[in-house]
N, C-alpha and C. Protein backbone atom coordinates (compact mmCIF):
# COMPACT_ATOMS: atom_id res chain seq x y z
N MET A 1 10.51 12.26 12.58
CA MET A 1 10.09 11.64 11.34
C MET A 1 8.90 10.74 11.62
N SER A 2 7.91 10.82 10.80
CA SER A 2 6.71 10.03 10.95
C SER A 2 6.72 8.89 9.94
N ILE A 3 6.27 7.73 10.34
CA ILE A 3 6.25 6.57 9.44
C ILE A 3 4.83 6.08 9.31
N THR A 4 4.35 6.03 8.07
CA THR A 4 3.04 5.48 7.80
C THR A 4 3.13 3.96 7.93
N THR A 5 2.18 3.37 8.62
CA THR A 5 2.25 1.93 8.87
C THR A 5 1.22 1.16 8.07
N LEU A 6 1.60 -0.01 7.66
CA LEU A 6 0.71 -0.97 7.02
C LEU A 6 0.55 -2.13 7.98
N ALA A 7 -0.23 -3.11 7.58
CA ALA A 7 -0.31 -4.33 8.38
C ALA A 7 1.11 -4.87 8.54
N PRO A 8 1.40 -5.56 9.64
CA PRO A 8 2.77 -6.04 9.87
C PRO A 8 3.35 -6.76 8.65
N ASN A 9 4.55 -6.36 8.29
CA ASN A 9 5.33 -6.97 7.23
C ASN A 9 4.84 -6.70 5.81
N THR A 10 3.73 -5.99 5.61
CA THR A 10 3.23 -5.74 4.26
C THR A 10 4.26 -5.01 3.42
N ALA A 11 4.82 -3.94 3.95
CA ALA A 11 5.79 -3.18 3.17
C ALA A 11 7.03 -4.01 2.88
N LEU A 12 7.45 -4.84 3.81
CA LEU A 12 8.63 -5.67 3.58
C LEU A 12 8.38 -6.67 2.46
N VAL A 13 7.22 -7.26 2.41
CA VAL A 13 6.88 -8.20 1.34
C VAL A 13 6.84 -7.48 0.01
N VAL A 14 6.24 -6.31 -0.03
CA VAL A 14 6.12 -5.56 -1.28
C VAL A 14 7.49 -5.16 -1.82
N ILE A 15 8.40 -4.78 -0.94
CA ILE A 15 9.73 -4.37 -1.37
C ILE A 15 10.43 -5.50 -2.11
N ASP A 16 10.19 -6.73 -1.71
CA ASP A 16 10.85 -7.88 -2.31
C ASP A 16 10.22 -8.33 -3.63
N LEU A 17 9.07 -7.81 -3.98
CA LEU A 17 8.40 -8.21 -5.20
C LEU A 17 8.67 -7.22 -6.34
N PRO A 18 8.65 -7.70 -7.59
CA PRO A 18 8.81 -6.77 -8.71
C PRO A 18 7.65 -5.76 -8.72
N LYS A 19 7.92 -4.55 -9.19
CA LYS A 19 6.87 -3.52 -9.24
C LYS A 19 5.72 -4.02 -10.09
N GLY A 20 4.51 -3.77 -9.65
CA GLY A 20 3.32 -4.19 -10.36
C GLY A 20 2.74 -5.50 -9.87
N ILE A 21 3.48 -6.22 -9.05
CA ILE A 21 2.99 -7.50 -8.55
C ILE A 21 2.08 -7.29 -7.35
N ALA A 22 2.35 -6.28 -6.55
CA ALA A 22 1.59 -6.06 -5.32
C ALA A 22 0.82 -4.76 -5.38
N THR A 23 -0.32 -4.74 -4.73
CA THR A 23 -1.11 -3.52 -4.58
C THR A 23 -1.14 -3.17 -3.10
N LEU A 24 -0.74 -1.95 -2.79
CA LEU A 24 -0.76 -1.49 -1.40
C LEU A 24 -2.12 -0.90 -1.09
N PRO A 25 -2.76 -1.35 -0.02
CA PRO A 25 -4.10 -0.88 0.33
C PRO A 25 -4.07 0.50 0.98
N THR A 26 -4.45 1.51 0.22
CA THR A 26 -4.39 2.88 0.72
C THR A 26 -5.42 3.16 1.82
N ASP A 27 -6.48 2.38 1.87
CA ASP A 27 -7.48 2.59 2.91
C ASP A 27 -7.21 1.75 4.16
N ALA A 28 -6.09 1.04 4.17
CA ALA A 28 -5.73 0.22 5.33
C ALA A 28 -4.39 0.68 5.91
N THR A 29 -4.11 1.96 5.78
CA THR A 29 -2.88 2.52 6.32
C THR A 29 -3.24 3.59 7.35
N THR A 30 -2.29 3.87 8.20
CA THR A 30 -2.51 4.90 9.20
C THR A 30 -1.21 5.61 9.53
N ASP A 31 -1.33 6.76 10.09
CA ASP A 31 -0.18 7.53 10.55
C ASP A 31 -0.70 8.50 11.60
N ALA A 32 0.15 8.87 12.52
CA ALA A 32 -0.25 9.82 13.55
C ALA A 32 -0.54 11.20 12.96
N ARG A 33 0.07 11.48 11.82
CA ARG A 33 -0.13 12.77 11.15
C ARG A 33 -0.77 12.54 9.79
N ALA A 34 -1.91 13.14 9.54
CA ALA A 34 -2.64 12.95 8.29
C ALA A 34 -1.81 13.37 7.08
N GLU A 35 -1.02 14.44 7.21
CA GLU A 35 -0.22 14.90 6.08
C GLU A 35 0.91 13.93 5.76
N ALA A 36 1.43 13.23 6.76
CA ALA A 36 2.46 12.22 6.51
C ALA A 36 1.87 11.02 5.78
N ARG A 37 0.67 10.61 6.18
CA ARG A 37 -0.01 9.51 5.51
C ARG A 37 -0.28 9.87 4.06
N ALA A 38 -0.79 11.05 3.83
CA ALA A 38 -1.07 11.49 2.46
C ALA A 38 0.21 11.53 1.63
N GLY A 39 1.29 11.98 2.23
CA GLY A 39 2.57 12.03 1.52
C GLY A 39 3.08 10.64 1.16
N SER A 40 2.92 9.70 2.06
CA SER A 40 3.34 8.32 1.79
C SER A 40 2.52 7.72 0.67
N ILE A 41 1.21 7.93 0.70
CA ILE A 41 0.34 7.39 -0.35
C ILE A 41 0.65 8.01 -1.70
N ALA A 42 0.93 9.30 -1.72
CA ALA A 42 1.20 9.99 -2.98
C ALA A 42 2.62 9.77 -3.50
N ASN A 43 3.60 9.65 -2.61
CA ASN A 43 4.99 9.65 -3.05
C ASN A 43 5.79 8.38 -2.82
N VAL A 44 5.47 7.65 -1.76
CA VAL A 44 6.28 6.47 -1.42
C VAL A 44 5.65 5.19 -1.98
N PHE A 45 4.40 4.97 -1.69
CA PHE A 45 3.75 3.73 -2.10
C PHE A 45 3.83 3.48 -3.61
N PRO A 46 3.63 4.48 -4.46
CA PRO A 46 3.73 4.22 -5.90
C PRO A 46 5.12 3.74 -6.34
N ARG A 47 6.13 4.03 -5.57
CA ARG A 47 7.48 3.53 -5.89
C ARG A 47 7.65 2.07 -5.53
N LEU A 48 6.84 1.58 -4.60
CA LEU A 48 6.92 0.20 -4.16
C LEU A 48 6.06 -0.73 -5.00
N GLY A 49 4.96 -0.23 -5.50
CA GLY A 49 4.02 -1.03 -6.27
C GLY A 49 2.79 -0.20 -6.57
N GLU A 50 1.77 -0.84 -7.10
CA GLU A 50 0.56 -0.07 -7.37
C GLU A 50 -0.24 0.12 -6.09
N THR A 51 -1.12 1.09 -6.10
CA THR A 51 -1.95 1.37 -4.93
C THR A 51 -3.41 1.17 -5.29
N GLY A 52 -4.21 0.89 -4.29
CA GLY A 52 -5.65 0.73 -4.49
C GLY A 52 -6.32 0.54 -3.15
N THR A 53 -7.61 0.52 -3.17
CA THR A 53 -8.37 0.29 -1.94
C THR A 53 -8.47 -1.21 -1.68
N THR A 54 -8.90 -1.55 -0.50
CA THR A 54 -9.11 -2.95 -0.16
C THR A 54 -10.13 -3.57 -1.12
N ARG A 55 -11.15 -2.81 -1.46
CA ARG A 55 -12.16 -3.30 -2.41
C ARG A 55 -11.54 -3.58 -3.78
N ASP A 56 -10.64 -2.68 -4.25
CA ASP A 56 -9.94 -2.90 -5.52
C ASP A 56 -9.13 -4.19 -5.49
N ILE A 57 -8.42 -4.39 -4.38
CA ILE A 57 -7.58 -5.58 -4.24
C ILE A 57 -8.44 -6.84 -4.23
N ASN A 58 -9.52 -6.83 -3.48
CA ASN A 58 -10.41 -7.99 -3.45
C ASN A 58 -10.99 -8.29 -4.82
N ALA A 59 -11.34 -7.25 -5.57
CA ALA A 59 -11.89 -7.46 -6.92
C ALA A 59 -10.84 -8.10 -7.83
N LYS A 60 -9.59 -7.68 -7.72
CA LYS A 60 -8.52 -8.28 -8.52
C LYS A 60 -8.32 -9.75 -8.15
N LEU A 61 -8.35 -10.03 -6.86
CA LEU A 61 -8.20 -11.41 -6.43
C LEU A 61 -9.34 -12.29 -6.94
N GLU A 62 -10.54 -11.79 -6.87
CA GLU A 62 -11.71 -12.54 -7.36
C GLU A 62 -11.60 -12.77 -8.87
N ALA A 63 -11.10 -11.79 -9.60
CA ALA A 63 -10.99 -11.91 -11.06
C ALA A 63 -9.97 -12.97 -11.47
N HIS A 64 -9.02 -13.27 -10.58
CA HIS A 64 -7.97 -14.24 -10.90
C HIS A 64 -8.25 -15.64 -10.36
N ARG A 65 -9.45 -15.84 -9.85
CA ARG A 65 -9.80 -17.18 -9.34
C ARG A 65 -10.18 -18.09 -10.46
């Protein structure tokens, strides 16, 4: 079984938040197998919260300042 990884503890923090509160950075993830990474981005991450690029996340943070 392959596990797509995020920065340490990112997934754990997201799991504890209500859906829609956190955005998972799709361009800051990795996996040893490209198809496993793609599967996680398409099927797992949307169940944990919204997804977006690091640029998307930074833009949202700037908009809320």
